[in-house]
């Protein structure tokens, strides 16, 4: 009987831990957007690197190698996300326009 109580208590603690982790570990993504657009300019500073789109959105690019390959005044299909906690847009995927949006 005692083993059954201990096993039940451990099971409940594991389930509660999974629930708390699932609720607290959200990516805090407010919106995700896919669009075809032109990259107007690229910038790099101590805070990171980013691209400016035709609609003047500033998209942060976390991977320097990807940022370095992006060309100004070229059209791309991109996926980016707006994060709730930073209120910044982050690049997730990018392909040249001639790939017809295939990721």
PDB file of N, CA and C in Angstrom:
ATOM      1  N   UNK A   1       0.816  -1.196   0.000  1.00  0.00           N
ATOM      2  CA  UNK A   1       0.000   0.000   0.000  1.00  0.00           C
ATOM      3  C   UNK A   1       0.865   1.267   0.000  1.00  0.00           C
ATOM      4  N   UNK A   2       1.937   1.215   0.784  1.00  0.00           N
ATOM      5  CA  UNK A   2       2.824   2.371   0.868  1.00  0.00           C
ATOM      6  C   UNK A   2       3.499   2.632  -0.479  1.00  0.00           C
ATOM      7  N   UNK A   3       3.892   1.586  -1.181  1.00  0.00           N
ATOM      8  CA  UNK A   3       4.521   1.742  -2.502  1.00  0.00           C
ATOM      9  C   UNK A   3       3.556   2.385  -3.493  1.00  0.00           C
ATOM     10  N   UNK A   4       2.300   2.033  -3.379  1.00  0.00           N
ATOM     11  CA  UNK A   4       1.282   2.595  -4.276  1.00  0.00           C
ATOM     12  C   UNK A   4       1.118   4.093  -4.034  1.00  0.00           C
ATOM     13  N   UNK A   5       1.156   4.523  -2.785  1.00  0.00           N
ATOM     14  CA  UNK A   5       1.026   5.948  -2.449  1.00  0.00           C
ATOM     15  C   UNK A   5       2.243   6.719  -2.964  1.00  0.00           C
ATOM     16  N   UNK A   6       3.425   6.166  -2.771  1.00  0.00           N
ATOM     17  CA  UNK A   6       4.648   6.816  -3.235  1.00  0.00           C
ATOM     18  C   UNK A   6       4.640   6.913  -4.761  1.00  0.00           C
ATOM     19  N   UNK A   7       4.253   5.842  -5.430  1.00  0.00           N
ATOM     20  CA  UNK A   7       4.186   5.842  -6.893  1.00  0.00           C
ATOM     21  C   UNK A   7       3.164   6.860  -7.399  1.00  0.00           C
ATOM     22  N   UNK A   8       2.016   6.958  -6.724  1.00  0.00           N
ATOM     23  CA  UNK A   8       0.998   7.941  -7.099  1.00  0.00           C
ATOM     24  C   UNK A   8       1.512   9.364  -6.903  1.00  0.00           C
ATOM     25  N   UNK A   9       2.191   9.612  -5.804  1.00  0.00           N
ATOM     26  CA  UNK A   9       2.729  10.951  -5.525  1.00  0.00           C
ATOM     27  C   UNK A   9       3.774  11.333  -6.569  1.00  0.00           C
ATOM     28  N   UNK A  10       4.637  10.408  -6.925  1.00  0.00           N
ATOM     29  CA  UNK A  10       5.660  10.683  -7.935  1.00  0.00           C
ATOM     30  C   UNK A  10       5.005  10.944  -9.285  1.00  0.00           C
ATOM     31  N   UNK A  11       3.998  10.163  -9.630  1.00  0.00           N
ATOM     32  CA  UNK A  11       3.294  10.357 -10.902  1.00  0.00           C
ATOM     33  C   UNK A  11       2.642  11.734 -10.962  1.00  0.00           C
ATOM     34  N   UNK A  12       2.008  12.144  -9.877  1.00  0.00           N
ATOM     35  CA  UNK A  12       1.356  13.458  -9.833  1.00  0.00           C
ATOM     36  C   UNK A  12       2.394  14.567  -9.960  1.00  0.00           C
ATOM     37  N   UNK A  13       3.527  14.432  -9.293  1.00  0.00           N
ATOM     38  CA  UNK A  13       4.585  15.439  -9.388  1.00  0.00           C
ATOM     39  C   UNK A  13       5.141  15.530 -10.810  1.00  0.00           C
ATOM     40  N   UNK A  14       5.298  14.414 -11.466  1.00  0.00           N
ATOM     41  CA  UNK A  14       5.789  14.417 -12.845  1.00  0.00           C
ATOM     42  C   UNK A  14       4.787  15.097 -13.764  1.00  0.00           C
ATOM     43  N   UNK A  15       3.523  14.767 -13.617  1.00  0.00           N
ATOM     44  CA  UNK A  15       2.473  15.389 -14.443  1.00  0.00           C
ATOM     45  C   UNK A  15       2.416  16.889 -14.196  1.00  0.00           C
ATOM     46  N   UNK A  16       2.471  17.313 -12.951  1.00  0.00           N
ATOM     47  CA  UNK A  16       2.458  18.744 -12.632  1.00  0.00           C
ATOM     48  C   UNK A  16       3.688  19.440 -13.206  1.00  0.00           C
ATOM     49  N   UNK A  17       4.841  18.798 -13.130  1.00  0.00           N
ATOM     50  CA  UNK A  17       6.054  19.379 -13.692  1.00  0.00           C
ATOM     51  C   UNK A  17       5.940  19.572 -15.196  1.00  0.00           C
ATOM     52  N   UNK A  18       5.390  18.589 -15.881  1.00  0.00           N
ATOM     53  CA  UNK A  18       5.199  18.692 -17.329  1.00  0.00           C
ATOM     54  C   UNK A  18       4.232  19.818 -17.666  1.00  0.00           C
ATOM     55  N   UNK A  19       3.147  19.936 -16.923  1.00  0.00           N
ATOM     56  CA  UNK A  19       2.171  21.003 -17.162  1.00  0.00           C
ATOM     57  C   UNK A  19       2.781  22.384 -16.930  1.00  0.00           C
ATOM     58  N   UNK A  20       3.512  22.554 -15.847  1.00  0.00           N
ATOM     59  CA  UNK A  20       4.136  23.847 -15.556  1.00  0.00           C
ATOM     60  C   UNK A  20       5.164  24.184 -16.626  1.00  0.00           C
ATOM     61  N   UNK A  21       5.944  23.219 -17.044  1.00  0.00           N
ATOM     62  CA  UNK A  21       6.940  23.453 -18.093  1.00  0.00           C
ATOM     63  C   UNK A  21       6.260  23.835 -19.403  1.00  0.00           C
ATOM     64  N   UNK A  22       5.183  23.162 -19.747  1.00  0.00           N
ATOM     65  CA  UNK A  22       4.462  23.447 -20.988  1.00  0.00           C
ATOM     66  C   UNK A  22       3.821  24.818 -20.997  1.00  0.00           C
ATOM     67  N   UNK A  23       3.286  25.236 -19.873  1.00  0.00           N
ATOM     68  CA  UNK A  23       2.639  26.550 -19.787  1.00  0.00           C
ATOM     69  C   UNK A  23       3.684  27.664 -19.772  1.00  0.00           C
ATOM     70  N   UNK A  24       4.779  27.479 -19.051  1.00  0.00           N
ATOM     71  CA  UNK A  24       5.776  28.529 -18.906  1.00  0.00           C
ATOM     72  C   UNK A  24       6.800  28.585 -20.021  1.00  0.00           C
ATOM     73  N   UNK A  25       6.836  27.592 -20.897  1.00  0.00           N
ATOM     74  CA  UNK A  25       7.876  27.530 -21.915  1.00  0.00           C
ATOM     75  C   UNK A  25       7.345  27.846 -23.304  1.00  0.00           C
ATOM     76  N   UNK A  26       6.486  28.787 -23.418  1.00  0.00           N
ATOM     77  CA  UNK A  26       6.006  29.206 -24.726  1.00  0.00           C
ATOM     78  C   UNK A  26       7.030  30.118 -25.360  1.00  0.00           C
ATOM     79  N   UNK A  27       7.047  30.149 -26.685  1.00  0.00           N
ATOM     80  CA  UNK A  27       8.028  30.959 -27.390  1.00  0.00           C
ATOM     81  C   UNK A  27       7.709  32.447 -27.351  1.00  0.00           C
ATOM     82  N   UNK A  28       6.574  32.791 -26.809  1.00  0.00           N
ATOM     83  CA  UNK A  28       6.161  34.194 -26.743  1.00  0.00           C
ATOM     84  C   UNK A  28       6.113  34.829 -28.123  1.00  0.00           C
ATOM     85  N   UNK A  29       5.624  34.067 -29.092  1.00  0.00           N
ATOM     86  CA  UNK A  29       5.473  34.583 -30.450  1.00  0.00           C
ATOM     87  C   UNK A  29       4.104  35.236 -30.554  1.00  0.00           C
ATOM     88  N   UNK A  30       4.096  36.504 -30.907  1.00  0.00           N
ATOM     89  CA  UNK A  30       2.840  37.212 -31.062  1.00  0.00           C
ATOM     90  C   UNK A  30       2.231  36.941 -32.427  1.00  0.00           C
ATOM     91  N   UNK A  31       3.040  37.064 -33.483  1.00  0.00           N
ATOM     92  CA  UNK A  31       2.567  36.768 -34.834  1.00  0.00           C
ATOM     93  C   UNK A  31       3.702  36.171 -35.656  1.00  0.00           C
ATOM     94  N   UNK A  32       3.335  35.369 -36.628  1.00  0.00           N
ATOM     95  CA  UNK A  32       4.289  34.846 -37.609  1.00  0.00           C
ATOM     96  C   UNK A  32       3.772  35.254 -38.977  1.00  0.00           C
ATOM     97  N   UNK A  33       4.669  35.745 -39.828  1.00  0.00           N
ATOM     98  CA  UNK A  33       4.275  36.279 -41.132  1.00  0.00           C
ATOM     99  C   UNK A  33       5.152  35.689 -42.219  1.00  0.00           C
ATOM    100  N   UNK A  34       4.521  35.354 -43.351  1.00  0.00           N
ATOM    101  CA  UNK A  34       5.236  34.958 -44.560  1.00  0.00           C
ATOM    102  C   UNK A  34       4.876  35.963 -45.636  1.00  0.00           C
ATOM    103  N   UNK A  35       5.886  36.497 -46.313  1.00  0.00           N
ATOM    104  CA  UNK A  35       5.596  37.453 -47.370  1.00  0.00           C
ATOM    105  C   UNK A  35       6.723  37.494 -48.404  1.00  0.00           C
ATOM    106  N   UNK A  36       6.356  37.930 -49.600  1.00  0.00           N
ATOM    107  CA  UNK A  36       7.345  38.212 -50.630  1.00  0.00           C
ATOM    108  C   UNK A  36       7.602  39.705 -50.588  1.00  0.00           C
ATOM    109  N   UNK A  37       8.869  40.075 -50.475  1.00  0.00           N
ATOM    110  CA  UNK A  37       9.212  41.481 -50.318  1.00  0.00           C
ATOM    111  C   UNK A  37      10.630  41.735 -50.804  1.00  0.00           C
ATOM    112  N   UNK A  38      10.971  42.995 -50.882  1.00  0.00           N
ATOM    113  CA  UNK A  38      12.322  43.405 -51.280  1.00  0.00           C
ATOM    114  C   UNK A  38      13.095  43.822 -50.039  1.00  0.00           C
ATOM    115  N   UNK A  39      14.340  43.399 -49.965  1.00  0.00           N
ATOM    116  CA  UNK A  39      15.232  43.843 -48.899  1.00  0.00           C
ATOM    117  C   UNK A  39      15.855  45.156 -49.365  1.00  0.00           C
ATOM    118  N   UNK A  40      15.536  46.227 -48.665  1.00  0.00           N
ATOM    119  CA  UNK A  40      16.007  47.559 -49.040  1.00  0.00           C
ATOM    120  C   UNK A  40      17.440  47.789 -48.580  1.00  0.00           C
ATOM    121  N   UNK A  41      17.744  47.404 -47.339  1.00  0.00           N
ATOM    122  CA  UNK A  41      19.098  47.611 -46.830  1.00  0.00           C
ATOM    123  C   UNK A  41      19.420  46.591 -45.739  1.00  0.00           C
ATOM    124  N   UNK A  42      20.706  46.512 -45.420  1.00  0.00           N
ATOM    125  CA  UNK A  42      21.214  45.643 -44.363  1.00  0.00           C
ATOM    126  C   UNK A  42      22.033  46.502 -43.414  1.00  0.00           C
ATOM    127  N   UNK A  43      21.975  46.172 -42.136  1.00  0.00           N
ATOM    128  CA  UNK A  43      22.754  46.920 -41.158  1.00  0.00           C
ATOM    129  C   UNK A  43      23.334  45.965 -40.133  1.00  0.00           C
ATOM    130  N   UNK A  44      24.447  46.391 -39.554  1.00  0.00           N
ATOM    131  CA  UNK A  44      25.145  45.586 -38.579  1.00  0.00           C
ATOM    132  C   UNK A  44      25.703  46.517 -37.509  1.00  0.00           C
ATOM    133  N   UNK A  45      25.508  46.146 -36.242  1.00  0.00           N
ATOM    134  CA  UNK A  45      26.055  46.947 -35.145  1.00  0.00           C
ATOM    135  C   UNK A  45      26.362  46.028 -33.973  1.00  0.00           C
ATOM    136  N   UNK A  46      26.719  46.615 -32.860  1.00  0.00           N
ATOM    137  CA  UNK A  46      27.034  45.810 -31.668  1.00  0.00           C
ATOM    138  C   UNK A  46      25.807  45.072 -31.142  1.00  0.00           C
ATOM    139  N   UNK A  47      24.600  45.558 -31.454  1.00  0.00           N
ATOM    140  CA  UNK A  47      23.391  44.871 -30.983  1.00  0.00           C
ATOM    141  C   UNK A  47      22.970  43.733 -31.908  1.00  0.00           C
ATOM    142  N   UNK A  48      23.612  43.569 -33.043  1.00  0.00           N
ATOM    143  CA  UNK A  48      23.299  42.472 -33.953  1.00  0.00           C
ATOM    144  C   UNK A  48      23.190  42.953 -35.381  1.00  0.00           C
ATOM    145  N   UNK A  49      22.616  42.098 -36.221  1.00  0.00           N
ATOM    146  CA  UNK A  49      22.453  42.453 -37.625  1.00  0.00           C
ATOM    147  C   UNK A  49      20.982  42.337 -37.998  1.00  0.00           C
ATOM    148  N   UNK A  50      20.561  43.158 -38.963  1.00  0.00           N
ATOM    149  CA  UNK A  50      19.173  43.159 -39.375  1.00  0.00           C
ATOM    150  C   UNK A  50      19.060  43.598 -40.820  1.00  0.00           C
ATOM    151  N   UNK A  51      17.848  43.372 -41.358  1.00  0.00           N
ATOM    152  CA  UNK A  51      17.527  43.823 -42.708  1.00  0.00           C
ATOM    153  C   UNK A  51      16.315  44.746 -42.619  1.00  0.00           C
ATOM    154  N   UNK A  52      16.234  45.672 -43.558  1.00  0.00           N
ATOM    155  CA  UNK A  52      15.087  46.569 -43.652  1.00  0.00           C
ATOM    156  C   UNK A  52      14.310  46.172 -44.899  1.00  0.00           C
ATOM    157  N   UNK A  53      13.011  45.919 -44.729  1.00  0.00           N
ATOM    158  CA  UNK A  53      12.158  45.503 -45.837  1.00  0.00           C
ATOM    159  C   UNK A  53      11.540  46.707 -46.541  1.00  0.00           C
ATOM    160  N   UNK A  54      10.894  46.446 -47.662  1.00  0.00           N
ATOM    161  CA  UNK A  54      10.270  47.510 -48.458  1.00  0.00           C
ATOM    162  C   UNK A  54       9.210  48.270 -47.656  1.00  0.00           C
ATOM    163  N   UNK A  55       8.560  47.614 -46.693  1.00  0.00           N
ATOM    164  CA  UNK A  55       7.552  48.295 -45.875  1.00  0.00           C
ATOM    165  C   UNK A  55       8.156  48.892 -44.597  1.00  0.00           C
ATOM    166  N   UNK A  56       9.480  49.061 -44.579  1.00  0.00           N
ATOM    167  CA  UNK A  56      10.242  49.670 -43.480  1.00  0.00           C
ATOM    168  C   UNK A  56      10.271  48.848 -42.199  1.00  0.00           C
ATOM    169  N   UNK A  57       9.938  47.555 -42.267  1.00  0.00           N
ATOM    170  CA  UNK A  57      10.066  46.697 -41.089  1.00  0.00           C
ATOM    171  C   UNK A  57      11.536  46.350 -40.903  1.00  0.00           C
ATOM    172  N   UNK A  58      11.951  46.370 -39.647  1.00  0.00           N
ATOM    173  CA  UNK A  58      13.316  46.013 -39.275  1.00  0.00           C
ATOM    174  C   UNK A  58      13.287  44.575 -38.764  1.00  0.00           C
ATOM    175  N   UNK A  59      13.944  43.666 -39.489  1.00  0.00           N
ATOM    176  CA  UNK A  59      13.919  42.247 -39.163  1.00  0.00           C
ATOM    177  C   UNK A  59      15.305  41.838 -38.674  1.00  0.00           C
ATOM    178  N   UNK A  60      15.400  41.375 -37.434  1.00  0.00           N
ATOM    179  CA  UNK A  60      16.677  40.940 -36.882  1.00  0.00           C
ATOM    180  C   UNK A  60      17.032  39.564 -37.425  1.00  0.00           C
ATOM    181  N   UNK A  61      18.293  39.406 -37.795  1.00  0.00           N
ATOM    182  CA  UNK A  61      18.804  38.142 -38.328  1.00  0.00           C
ATOM    183  C   UNK A  61      19.819  37.616 -37.317  1.00  0.00           C
ATOM    184  N   UNK A  62      19.469  36.536 -36.633  1.00  0.00           N
ATOM    185  CA  UNK A  62      20.317  36.020 -35.563  1.00  0.00           C
ATOM    186  C   UNK A  62      21.581  35.340 -36.094  1.00  0.00           C
ATOM    187  N   UNK A  63      21.520  34.770 -37.282  1.00  0.00           N
ATOM    188  CA  UNK A  63      22.649  34.046 -37.854  1.00  0.00           C
ATOM    189  C   UNK A  63      23.421  34.964 -38.806  1.00  0.00           C
ATOM    190  N   UNK A  64      24.654  35.293 -38.450  1.00  0.00           N
ATOM    191  CA  UNK A  64      25.453  36.205 -39.260  1.00  0.00           C
ATOM    192  C   UNK A  64      25.693  35.658 -40.669  1.00  0.00           C
ATOM    193  N   UNK A  65      25.877  34.358 -40.792  1.00  0.00           N
ATOM    194  CA  UNK A  65      26.135  33.760 -42.114  1.00  0.00           C
ATOM    195  C   UNK A  65      24.956  33.975 -43.058  1.00  0.00           C
ATOM    196  N   UNK A  66      23.744  33.845 -42.543  1.00  0.00           N
ATOM    197  CA  UNK A  66      22.555  34.090 -43.369  1.00  0.00           C
ATOM    198  C   UNK A  66      22.484  35.566 -43.730  1.00  0.00           C
ATOM    199  N   UNK A  67      22.706  36.439 -42.756  1.00  0.00           N
ATOM    200  CA  UNK A  67      22.675  37.883 -43.010  1.00  0.00           C
ATOM    201  C   UNK A  67      23.673  38.268 -44.096  1.00  0.00           C
ATOM    202  N   UNK A  68      24.866  37.670 -44.055  1.00  0.00           N
ATOM    203  CA  UNK A  68      25.914  38.008 -45.009  1.00  0.00           C
ATOM    204  C   UNK A  68      25.536  37.607 -46.439  1.00  0.00           C
ATOM    205  N   UNK A  69      24.703  36.580 -46.598  1.00  0.00           N
ATOM    206  CA  UNK A  69      24.314  36.113 -47.931  1.00  0.00           C
ATOM    207  C   UNK A  69      23.140  36.890 -48.531  1.00  0.00           C
ATOM    208  N   UNK A  70      22.421  37.626 -47.712  1.00  0.00           N
ATOM    209  CA  UNK A  70      21.267  38.399 -48.202  1.00  0.00           C
ATOM    210  C   UNK A  70      21.787  39.614 -48.973  1.00  0.00           C
ATOM    211  N   UNK A  71      21.190  39.858 -50.140  1.00  0.00           N
ATOM    212  CA  UNK A  71      21.624  40.974 -50.992  1.00  0.00           C
ATOM    213  C   UNK A  71      20.587  42.101 -50.930  1.00  0.00           C
ATOM    214  N   UNK A  72      21.079  43.316 -50.874  1.00  0.00           N
ATOM    215  CA  UNK A  72      20.197  44.482 -50.889  1.00  0.00           C
ATOM    216  C   UNK A  72      19.552  44.626 -52.267  1.00  0.00           C
ATOM    217  N   UNK A  73      18.338  45.202 -52.277  1.00  0.00           N
ATOM    218  CA  UNK A  73      17.559  45.443 -53.492  1.00  0.00           C
ATOM    219  C   UNK A  73      17.231  44.171 -54.263  1.00  0.00           C
ATOM    220  N   UNK A  74      17.138  43.049 -53.545  1.00  0.00           N
ATOM    221  CA  UNK A  74      16.713  41.776 -54.121  1.00  0.00           C
ATOM    222  C   UNK A  74      15.402  41.370 -53.471  1.00  0.00           C
ATOM    223  N   UNK A  75      14.595  40.616 -54.213  1.00  0.00           N
ATOM    224  CA  UNK A  75      13.317  40.129 -53.700  1.00  0.00           C
ATOM    225  C   UNK A  75      13.476  38.741 -53.091  1.00  0.00           C
ATOM    226  N   UNK A  76      12.778  38.529 -51.971  1.00  0.00           N
ATOM    227  CA  UNK A  76      12.850  37.269 -51.241  1.00  0.00           C
ATOM    228  C   UNK A  76      11.452  36.888 -50.737  1.00  0.00           C
ATOM    229  N   UNK A  77      11.281  35.608 -50.477  1.00  0.00           N
ATOM    230  CA  UNK A  77      10.145  35.147 -49.696  1.00  0.00           C
ATOM    231  C   UNK A  77      10.692  34.881 -48.307  1.00  0.00           C
ATOM    232  N   UNK A  78      10.097  35.523 -47.312  1.00  0.00           N
ATOM    233  CA  UNK A  78      10.634  35.399 -45.954  1.00  0.00           C
ATOM    234  C   UNK A  78       9.544  35.019 -44.967  1.00  0.00           C
ATOM    235  N   UNK A  79       9.984  34.394 -43.896  1.00  0.00           N
ATOM    236  CA  UNK A  79       9.128  34.107 -42.745  1.00  0.00           C
ATOM    237  C   UNK A  79       9.787  34.779 -41.551  1.00  0.00           C
ATOM    238  N   UNK A  80       9.007  35.574 -40.837  1.00  0.00           N
ATOM    239  CA  UNK A  80       9.540  36.222 -39.642  1.00  0.00           C
ATOM    240  C   UNK A  80       8.476  36.228 -38.558  1.00  0.00           C
ATOM    241  N   UNK A  81       8.944  36.363 -37.315  1.00  0.00           N
ATOM    242  CA  UNK A  81       8.046  36.327 -36.153  1.00  0.00           C
ATOM    243  C   UNK A  81       8.226  37.582 -35.309  1.00  0.00           C
ATOM    244  N   UNK A  82       7.123  38.047 -34.758  1.00  0.00           N
ATOM    245  CA  UNK A  82       7.150  39.152 -33.801  1.00  0.00           C
ATOM    246  C   UNK A  82       7.096  38.539 -32.408  1.00  0.00           C
ATOM    247  N   UNK A  83       8.126  38.791 -31.603  1.00  0.00           N
ATOM    248  CA  UNK A  83       8.182  38.240 -30.249  1.00  0.00           C
ATOM    249  C   UNK A  83       7.500  39.195 -29.271  1.00  0.00           C
ATOM    250  N   UNK A  84       6.683  38.639 -28.383  1.00  0.00           N
ATOM    251  CA  UNK A  84       5.947  39.456 -27.412  1.00  0.00           C
ATOM    252  C   UNK A  84       6.879  40.183 -26.450  1.00  0.00           C
ATOM    253  N   UNK A  85       7.888  39.475 -25.947  1.00  0.00           N
ATOM    254  CA  UNK A  85       8.721  40.058 -24.894  1.00  0.00           C
ATOM    255  C   UNK A  85       9.660  41.148 -25.395  1.00  0.00           C
ATOM    256  N   UNK A  86      10.111  41.088 -26.658  1.00  0.00           N
ATOM    257  CA  UNK A  86      11.040  42.106 -27.163  1.00  0.00           C
ATOM    258  C   UNK A  86      10.391  43.086 -28.127  1.00  0.00           C
ATOM    259  N   UNK A  87       9.218  42.725 -28.658  1.00  0.00           N
ATOM    260  CA  UNK A  87       8.521  43.546 -29.659  1.00  0.00           C
ATOM    261  C   UNK A  87       9.386  43.768 -30.899  1.00  0.00           C
ATOM    262  N   UNK A  88      10.238  42.787 -31.216  1.00  0.00           N
ATOM    263  CA  UNK A  88      11.089  42.850 -32.392  1.00  0.00           C
ATOM    264  C   UNK A  88      10.726  41.705 -33.337  1.00  0.00           C
ATOM    265  N   UNK A  89      10.977  41.939 -34.620  1.00  0.00           N
ATOM    266  CA  UNK A  89      10.772  40.909 -35.630  1.00  0.00           C
ATOM    267  C   UNK A  89      12.072  40.117 -35.798  1.00  0.00           C
ATOM    268  N   UNK A  90      11.955  38.784 -35.876  1.00  0.00           N
ATOM    269  CA  UNK A  90      13.110  37.909 -36.050  1.00  0.00           C
ATOM    270  C   UNK A  90      12.922  37.044 -37.280  1.00  0.00           C
ATOM    271  N   UNK A  91      13.939  36.983 -38.119  1.00  0.00           N
ATOM    272  CA  UNK A  91      13.904  36.180 -39.332  1.00  0.00           C
ATOM    273  C   UNK A  91      13.961  34.702 -38.981  1.00  0.00           C
ATOM    274  N   UNK A  92      13.086  33.915 -39.592  1.00  0.00           N
ATOM    275  CA  UNK A  92      13.086  32.470 -39.394  1.00  0.00           C
ATOM    276  C   UNK A  92      13.538  31.738 -40.646  1.00  0.00           C
ATOM    277  N   UNK A  93      13.046  32.156 -41.819  1.00  0.00           N
ATOM    278  CA  UNK A  93      13.416  31.515 -43.087  1.00  0.00           C
ATOM    279  C   UNK A  93      13.470  32.572 -44.174  1.00  0.00           C
ATOM    280  N   UNK A  94      14.322  32.329 -45.164  1.00  0.00           N
ATOM    281  CA  UNK A  94      14.401  33.245 -46.295  1.00  0.00           C
ATOM    282  C   UNK A  94      14.872  32.462 -47.520  1.00  0.00           C
ATOM    283  N   UNK A  95      14.213  32.716 -48.654  1.00  0.00           N
ATOM    284  CA  UNK A  95      14.639  32.130 -49.931  1.00  0.00           C
ATOM    285  C   UNK A  95      14.522  33.204 -51.012  1.00  0.00           C
ATOM    286  N   UNK A  96      15.377  33.133 -52.036  1.00  0.00           N
ATOM    287  CA  UNK A  96      15.286  34.097 -53.138  1.00  0.00           C
ATOM    288  C   UNK A  96      13.949  33.971 -53.860  1.00  0.00           C
ATOM    289  N   UNK A  97      13.540  35.055 -54.493  1.00  0.00           N
ATOM    290  CA  UNK A  97      12.253  35.095 -55.188  1.00  0.00           C
ATOM    291  C   UNK A  97      12.151  34.025 -56.272  1.00  0.00           C
ATOM    292  N   UNK A  98      13.241  33.719 -56.949  1.00  0.00           N
ATOM    293  CA  UNK A  98      13.175  32.757 -58.051  1.00  0.00           C
ATOM    294  C   UNK A  98      12.982  31.310 -57.585  1.00  0.00           C
ATOM    295  N   UNK A  99      12.918  31.077 -56.294  1.00  0.00           N
ATOM    296  CA  UNK A  99      12.579  29.751 -55.771  1.00  0.00           C
ATOM    297  C   UNK A  99      11.076  29.587 -55.611  1.00  0.00           C
ATOM    298  N   UNK A 100      10.321  30.605 -56.003  1.00  0.00           N
ATOM    299  CA  UNK A 100       8.853  30.589 -55.978  1.00  0.00           C
ATOM    300  C   UNK A 100       8.297  30.246 -54.598  1.00  0.00           C
ATOM    301  N   UNK A 101       8.962  30.744 -53.568  1.00  0.00           N
ATOM    302  CA  UNK A 101       8.459  30.577 -52.205  1.00  0.00           C
ATOM    303  C   UNK A 101       8.658  29.206 -51.605  1.00  0.00           C
ATOM    304  N   UNK A 102       9.400  28.328 -52.259  1.00  0.00           N
ATOM    305  CA  UNK A 102       9.619  26.976 -51.723  1.00  0.00           C
ATOM    306  C   UNK A 102      10.707  27.008 -50.669  1.00  0.00           C
ATOM    307  N   UNK A 103      10.390  26.526 -49.474  1.00  0.00           N
ATOM    308  CA  UNK A 103      11.374  26.491 -48.369  1.00  0.00           C
ATOM    309  C   UNK A 103      12.002  25.122 -48.289  1.00  0.00           C
TER     310      UNK A 103
END
